Amino acid sequence: MLKNIVKPTLLIQSSNDSLAAPEIGAYMAENITDSQLEIIEAEGHCLHMTDATLLTPIVIDFINNHNV
């Protein structure tokens, strides 16, 4: 199913995620065309809730660079 994603995709993963190993993010990035994987130096799985200030510039940059 990942190969069917045809839109620019930003993948964000914490460096210490208890629910998703780094290999999962890498696998997704390898199998989604035009994807970008960002590893955030943070703890946990729900970065949008625990470290939103770290995510904001990354998301804004991605949107600006991909005309999303």
PDB file of N, CA and C in Angstrom:
ATOM      1  N   MET A   1       0.816  -1.199   0.000  1.00  0.00           N
ATOM      2  CA  MET A   1       0.000   0.000   0.000  1.00  0.00           C
ATOM      3  C   MET A   1       0.858   1.261   0.000  1.00  0.00           C
ATOM      4  N   LEU A   2       2.026   1.202   0.616  1.00  0.00           N
ATOM      5  CA  LEU A   2       2.865   2.397   0.693  1.00  0.00           C
ATOM      6  C   LEU A   2       3.275   2.886  -0.692  1.00  0.00           C
ATOM      7  N   LYS A   3       3.489   1.974  -1.614  1.00  0.00           N
ATOM      8  CA  LYS A   3       3.882   2.346  -2.980  1.00  0.00           C
ATOM      9  C   LYS A   3       2.782   3.122  -3.696  1.00  0.00           C
ATOM     10  N   ASN A   4       1.549   3.044  -3.202  1.00  0.00           N
ATOM     11  CA  ASN A   4       0.429   3.736  -3.831  1.00  0.00           C
ATOM     12  C   ASN A   4       0.303   5.196  -3.392  1.00  0.00           C
ATOM     13  N   ILE A   5       1.075   5.606  -2.413  1.00  0.00           N
ATOM     14  CA  ILE A   5       1.027   6.997  -1.957  1.00  0.00           C
ATOM     15  C   ILE A   5       1.763   7.842  -2.985  1.00  0.00           C
ATOM     16  N   VAL A   6       1.069   8.822  -3.556  1.00  0.00           N
ATOM     17  CA  VAL A   6       1.641   9.599  -4.651  1.00  0.00           C
ATOM     18  C   VAL A   6       1.841  11.075  -4.311  1.00  0.00           C
ATOM     19  N   LYS A   7       1.602  11.442  -3.094  1.00  0.00           N
ATOM     20  CA  LYS A   7       1.786  12.830  -2.655  1.00  0.00           C
ATOM     21  C   LYS A   7       3.056  12.943  -1.832  1.00  0.00           C
ATOM     22  N   PRO A   8       3.690  14.112  -1.839  1.00  0.00           N
ATOM     23  CA  PRO A   8       4.848  14.307  -0.959  1.00  0.00           C
ATOM     24  C   PRO A   8       4.443  13.997   0.484  1.00  0.00           C
ATOM     25  N   THR A   9       5.284  13.234   1.174  1.00  0.00           N
ATOM     26  CA  THR A   9       4.935  12.752   2.506  1.00  0.00           C
ATOM     27  C   THR A   9       6.076  13.035   3.477  1.00  0.00           C
ATOM     28  N   LEU A  10       5.730  13.655   4.589  1.00  0.00           N
ATOM     29  CA  LEU A  10       6.695  13.911   5.649  1.00  0.00           C
ATOM     30  C   LEU A  10       6.494  12.872   6.738  1.00  0.00           C
ATOM     31  N   LEU A  11       7.543  12.127   7.022  1.00  0.00           N
ATOM     32  CA  LEU A  11       7.523  11.126   8.083  1.00  0.00           C
ATOM     33  C   LEU A  11       8.362  11.667   9.235  1.00  0.00           C
ATOM     34  N   ILE A  12       7.786  11.711  10.409  1.00  0.00           N
ATOM     35  CA  ILE A  12       8.498  12.231  11.581  1.00  0.00           C
ATOM     36  C   ILE A  12       8.520  11.139  12.639  1.00  0.00           C
ATOM     37  N   GLN A  13       9.704  10.894  13.164  1.00  0.00           N
ATOM     38  CA  GLN A  13       9.863   9.851  14.173  1.00  0.00           C
ATOM     39  C   GLN A  13      10.824  10.347  15.238  1.00  0.00           C
ATOM     40  N   SER A  14      10.534   9.996  16.487  1.00  0.00           N
ATOM     41  CA  SER A  14      11.463  10.354  17.553  1.00  0.00           C
ATOM     42  C   SER A  14      12.624   9.372  17.566  1.00  0.00           C
ATOM     43  N   SER A  15      13.746   9.825  18.093  1.00  0.00           N
ATOM     44  CA  SER A  15      14.920   8.965  18.157  1.00  0.00           C
ATOM     45  C   SER A  15      14.740   7.838  19.163  1.00  0.00           C
ATOM     46  N   ASN A  16      13.828   8.028  20.106  1.00  0.00           N
ATOM     47  CA  ASN A  16      13.551   7.000  21.111  1.00  0.00           C
ATOM     48  C   ASN A  16      12.040   6.784  21.201  1.00  0.00           C
ATOM     49  N   ASP A  17      11.530   6.017  20.260  1.00  0.00           N
ATOM     50  CA  ASP A  17      10.099   5.759  20.141  1.00  0.00           C
ATOM     51  C   ASP A  17       9.818   4.330  20.607  1.00  0.00           C
ATOM     52  N   SER A  18       9.081   4.191  21.688  1.00  0.00           N
ATOM     53  CA  SER A  18       8.825   2.859  22.239  1.00  0.00           C
ATOM     54  C   SER A  18       7.821   2.049  21.406  1.00  0.00           C
ATOM     55  N   LEU A  19       7.099   2.695  20.498  1.00  0.00           N
ATOM     56  CA  LEU A  19       6.109   1.979  19.685  1.00  0.00           C
ATOM     57  C   LEU A  19       6.593   1.672  18.268  1.00  0.00           C
ATOM     58  N   ALA A  20       7.552   2.438  17.782  1.00  0.00           N
ATOM     59  CA  ALA A  20       8.014   2.232  16.406  1.00  0.00           C
ATOM     60  C   ALA A  20       9.535   2.319  16.355  1.00  0.00           C
ATOM     61  N   ALA A  21      10.159   1.218  16.054  1.00  0.00           N
ATOM     62  CA  ALA A  21      11.617   1.171  15.938  1.00  0.00           C
ATOM     63  C   ALA A  21      12.083   2.019  14.754  1.00  0.00           C
ATOM     64  N   PRO A  22      13.322   2.481  14.771  1.00  0.00           N
ATOM     65  CA  PRO A  22      13.836   3.279  13.646  1.00  0.00           C
ATOM     66  C   PRO A  22      13.698   2.571  12.300  1.00  0.00           C
ATOM     67  N   GLU A  23      13.764   1.261  12.318  1.00  0.00           N
ATOM     68  CA  GLU A  23      13.626   0.503  11.068  1.00  0.00           C
ATOM     69  C   GLU A  23      12.253   0.701  10.424  1.00  0.00           C
ATOM     70  N   ILE A  24      11.254   0.968  11.220  1.00  0.00           N
ATOM     71  CA  ILE A  24       9.913   1.181  10.669  1.00  0.00           C
ATOM     72  C   ILE A  24       9.865   2.476   9.876  1.00  0.00           C
ATOM     73  N   GLY A  25      10.417   3.545  10.446  1.00  0.00           N
ATOM     74  CA  GLY A  25      10.475   4.811   9.723  1.00  0.00           C
ATOM     75  C   GLY A  25      11.278   4.677   8.447  1.00  0.00           C
ATOM     76  N   ALA A  26      12.408   3.984   8.518  1.00  0.00           N
ATOM     77  CA  ALA A  26      13.248   3.780   7.337  1.00  0.00           C
ATOM     78  C   ALA A  26      12.507   2.979   6.272  1.00  0.00           C
ATOM     79  N   TYR A  27      11.803   1.940   6.689  1.00  0.00           N
ATOM     80  CA  TYR A  27      11.030   1.125   5.749  1.00  0.00           C
ATOM     81  C   TYR A  27       9.966   1.971   5.048  1.00  0.00           C
ATOM     82  N   MET A  28       9.264   2.770   5.826  1.00  0.00           N
ATOM     83  CA  MET A  28       8.227   3.613   5.226  1.00  0.00           C
ATOM     84  C   MET A  28       8.839   4.601   4.242  1.00  0.00           C
ATOM     85  N   ALA A  29       9.949   5.218   4.622  1.00  0.00           N
ATOM     86  CA  ALA A  29      10.600   6.187   3.741  1.00  0.00           C
ATOM     87  C   ALA A  29      11.070   5.523   2.443  1.00  0.00           C
ATOM     88  N   GLU A  30      11.565   4.310   2.539  1.00  0.00           N
ATOM     89  CA  GLU A  30      12.030   3.592   1.353  1.00  0.00           C
ATOM     90  C   GLU A  30      10.885   3.201   0.424  1.00  0.00           C
ATOM     91  N   ASN A  31       9.698   3.053   0.964  1.00  0.00           N
ATOM     92  CA  ASN A  31       8.575   2.540   0.179  1.00  0.00           C
ATOM     93  C   ASN A  31       7.521   3.572  -0.174  1.00  0.00           C
ATOM     94  N   ILE A  32       7.689   4.802   0.262  1.00  0.00           N
ATOM     95  CA  ILE A  32       6.782   5.880  -0.138  1.00  0.00           C
ATOM     96  C   ILE A  32       7.563   6.809  -1.052  1.00  0.00           C
ATOM     97  N   THR A  33       7.137   6.905  -2.288  1.00  0.00           N
ATOM     98  CA  THR A  33       7.782   7.787  -3.247  1.00  0.00           C
ATOM     99  C   THR A  33       7.657   9.224  -2.768  1.00  0.00           C
ATOM    100  N   ASP A  34       8.708   9.987  -2.949  1.00  0.00           N
ATOM    101  CA  ASP A  34       8.735  11.409  -2.581  1.00  0.00           C
ATOM    102  C   ASP A  34       8.455  11.617  -1.094  1.00  0.00           C
ATOM    103  N   SER A  35       9.049  10.755  -0.270  1.00  0.00           N
ATOM    104  CA  SER A  35       8.890  10.919   1.175  1.00  0.00           C
ATOM    105  C   SER A  35      10.168  11.488   1.777  1.00  0.00           C
ATOM    106  N   GLN A  36      10.011  12.081   2.929  1.00  0.00           N
ATOM    107  CA  GLN A  36      11.129  12.650   3.674  1.00  0.00           C
ATOM    108  C   GLN A  36      10.998  12.191   5.115  1.00  0.00           C
ATOM    109  N   LEU A  37      12.024  11.527   5.627  1.00  0.00           N
ATOM    110  CA  LEU A  37      12.018  11.048   7.000  1.00  0.00           C
ATOM    111  C   LEU A  37      12.841  11.992   7.856  1.00  0.00           C
ATOM    112  N   GLU A  38      12.241  12.479   8.928  1.00  0.00           N
ATOM    113  CA  GLU A  38      12.925  13.334   9.892  1.00  0.00           C
ATOM    114  C   GLU A  38      12.947  12.611  11.231  1.00  0.00           C
ATOM    115  N   ILE A  39      14.136  12.418  11.759  1.00  0.00           N
ATOM    116  CA  ILE A  39      14.295  11.818  13.075  1.00  0.00           C
ATOM    117  C   ILE A  39      14.516  12.961  14.063  1.00  0.00           C
ATOM    118  N   ILE A  40      13.652  13.049  15.060  1.00  0.00           N
ATOM    119  CA  ILE A  40      13.716  14.105  16.064  1.00  0.00           C
ATOM    120  C   ILE A  40      14.376  13.545  17.320  1.00  0.00           C
ATOM    121  N   GLU A  41      15.333  14.274  17.860  1.00  0.00           N
ATOM    122  CA  GLU A  41      15.954  13.869  19.127  1.00  0.00           C
ATOM    123  C   GLU A  41      14.951  14.112  20.246  1.00  0.00           C
ATOM    124  N   ALA A  42      14.161  13.097  20.529  1.00  0.00           N
ATOM    125  CA  ALA A  42      13.098  13.213  21.532  1.00  0.00           C
ATOM    126  C   ALA A  42      12.690  11.823  21.993  1.00  0.00           C
ATOM    127  N   GLU A  43      11.887  11.793  23.026  1.00  0.00           N
ATOM    128  CA  GLU A  43      11.351  10.555  23.597  1.00  0.00           C
ATOM    129  C   GLU A  43       9.884  10.425  23.222  1.00  0.00           C
ATOM    130  N   GLY A  44       9.435   9.208  23.016  1.00  0.00           N
ATOM    131  CA  GLY A  44       8.008   8.942  22.866  1.00  0.00           C
ATOM    132  C   GLY A  44       7.523   8.851  21.440  1.00  0.00           C
ATOM    133  N   HIS A  45       6.232   8.543  21.320  1.00  0.00           N
ATOM    134  CA  HIS A  45       5.611   8.287  20.027  1.00  0.00           C
ATOM    135  C   HIS A  45       4.727   9.439  19.548  1.00  0.00           C
ATOM    136  N   CYS A  46       4.184  10.208  20.436  1.00  0.00           N
ATOM    137  CA  CYS A  46       3.234  11.268  20.078  1.00  0.00           C
ATOM    138  C   CYS A  46       3.912  12.634  20.129  1.00  0.00           C
ATOM    139  N   LEU A  47       4.827  12.844  19.207  1.00  0.00           N
ATOM    140  CA  LEU A  47       5.608  14.082  19.211  1.00  0.00           C
ATOM    141  C   LEU A  47       4.757  15.329  19.044  1.00  0.00           C
ATOM    142  N   HIS A  48       3.659  15.221  18.337  1.00  0.00           N
ATOM    143  CA  HIS A  48       2.786  16.382  18.160  1.00  0.00           C
ATOM    144  C   HIS A  48       2.196  16.841  19.489  1.00  0.00           C
ATOM    145  N   MET A  49       2.176  15.954  20.475  1.00  0.00           N
ATOM    146  CA  MET A  49       1.644  16.310  21.794  1.00  0.00           C
ATOM    147  C   MET A  49       2.760  16.678  22.774  1.00  0.00           C
ATOM    148  N   THR A  50       3.916  16.040  22.658  1.00  0.00           N
ATOM    149  CA  THR A  50       4.966  16.239  23.650  1.00  0.00           C
ATOM    150  C   THR A  50       6.047  17.219  23.205  1.00  0.00           C
ATOM    151  N   ASP A  51       6.276  17.347  21.918  1.00  0.00           N
ATOM    152  CA  ASP A  51       7.355  18.202  21.415  1.00  0.00           C
ATOM    153  C   ASP A  51       6.914  18.993  20.182  1.00  0.00           C
ATOM    154  N   ALA A  52       5.752  19.591  20.245  1.00  0.00           N
ATOM    155  CA  ALA A  52       5.211  20.317  19.087  1.00  0.00           C
ATOM    156  C   ALA A  52       6.139  21.434  18.618  1.00  0.00           C
ATOM    157  N   THR A  53       6.842  22.063  19.536  1.00  0.00           N
ATOM    158  CA  THR A  53       7.727  23.159  19.133  1.00  0.00           C
ATOM    159  C   THR A  53       8.889  22.661  18.269  1.00  0.00           C
ATOM    160  N   LEU A  54       9.272  21.406  18.431  1.00  0.00           N
ATOM    161  CA  LEU A  54      10.311  20.835  17.575  1.00  0.00           C
ATOM    162  C   LEU A  54       9.772  20.516  16.179  1.00  0.00           C
ATOM    163  N   LEU A  55       8.504  20.172  16.117  1.00  0.00           N
ATOM    164  CA  LEU A  55       7.909  19.760  14.849  1.00  0.00           C
ATOM    165  C   LEU A  55       7.536  20.931  13.949  1.00  0.00           C
ATOM    166  N   THR A  56       7.123  22.021  14.547  1.00  0.00           N
ATOM    167  CA  THR A  56       6.575  23.140  13.773  1.00  0.00           C
ATOM    168  C   THR A  56       7.505  23.609  12.660  1.00  0.00           C
ATOM    169  N   PRO A  57       8.780  23.919  12.928  1.00  0.00           N
ATOM    170  CA  PRO A  57       9.622  24.384  11.812  1.00  0.00           C
ATOM    171  C   PRO A  57       9.843  23.319  10.740  1.00  0.00           C
ATOM    172  N   ILE A  58       9.871  22.063  11.134  1.00  0.00           N
ATOM    173  CA  ILE A  58      10.061  20.982  10.159  1.00  0.00           C
ATOM    174  C   ILE A  58       8.852  20.883   9.239  1.00  0.00           C
ATOM    175  N   VAL A  59       7.668  20.958   9.810  1.00  0.00           N
ATOM    176  CA  VAL A  59       6.443  20.875   9.015  1.00  0.00           C
ATOM    177  C   VAL A  59       6.313  22.096   8.102  1.00  0.00           C
ATOM    178  N   ILE A  60       6.573  23.270   8.629  1.00  0.00           N
ATOM    179  CA  ILE A  60       6.486  24.490   7.814  1.00  0.00           C
ATOM    180  C   ILE A  60       7.478  24.436   6.653  1.00  0.00           C
ATOM    181  N   ASP A  61       8.696  24.005   6.912  1.00  0.00           N
ATOM    182  CA  ASP A  61       9.702  23.882   5.860  1.00  0.00           C
ATOM    183  C   ASP A  61       9.254  22.883   4.788  1.00  0.00           C
ATOM    184  N   PHE A  62       8.717  21.745   5.212  1.00  0.00           N
ATOM    185  CA  PHE A  62       8.237  20.739   4.263  1.00  0.00           C
ATOM    186  C   PHE A  62       7.124  21.312   3.395  1.00  0.00           C
ATOM    187  N   ILE A  63       6.179  21.990   4.012  1.00  0.00           N
ATOM    188  CA  ILE A  63       5.065  22.580   3.250  1.00  0.00           C
ATOM    189  C   ILE A  63       5.575  23.610   2.253  1.00  0.00           C
ATOM    190  N   ASN A  64       6.469  24.473   2.696  1.00  0.00           N
ATOM    191  CA  ASN A  64       7.015  25.503   1.802  1.00  0.00           C
ATOM    192  C   ASN A  64       7.797  24.910   0.641  1.00  0.00           C
ATOM    193  N   ASN A  65       8.498  23.810   0.867  1.00  0.00           N
ATOM    194  CA  ASN A  65       9.308  23.202  -0.176  1.00  0.00           C
ATOM    195  C   ASN A  65       8.540  22.292  -1.120  1.00  0.00           C
ATOM    196  N   HIS A  66       7.326  21.943  -0.748  1.00  0.00           N
ATOM    197  CA  HIS A  66       6.543  21.019  -1.580  1.00  0.00           C
ATOM    198  C   HIS A  66       5.230  21.618  -2.068  1.00  0.00           C
ATOM    199  N   ASN A  67       5.015  22.876  -1.822  1.00  0.00           N
ATOM    200  CA  ASN A  67       3.767  23.537  -2.264  1.00  0.00           C
ATOM    201  C   ASN A  67       2.541  22.752  -1.847  1.00  0.00           C
ATOM    202  N   VAL A  68       2.571  22.250  -0.627  1.00  0.00           N
ATOM    203  CA  VAL A  68       1.456  21.452  -0.104  1.00  0.00           C
ATOM    204  C   VAL A  68       0.396  22.382   0.431  1.00  0.00           C
TER     205      VAL A  68
END
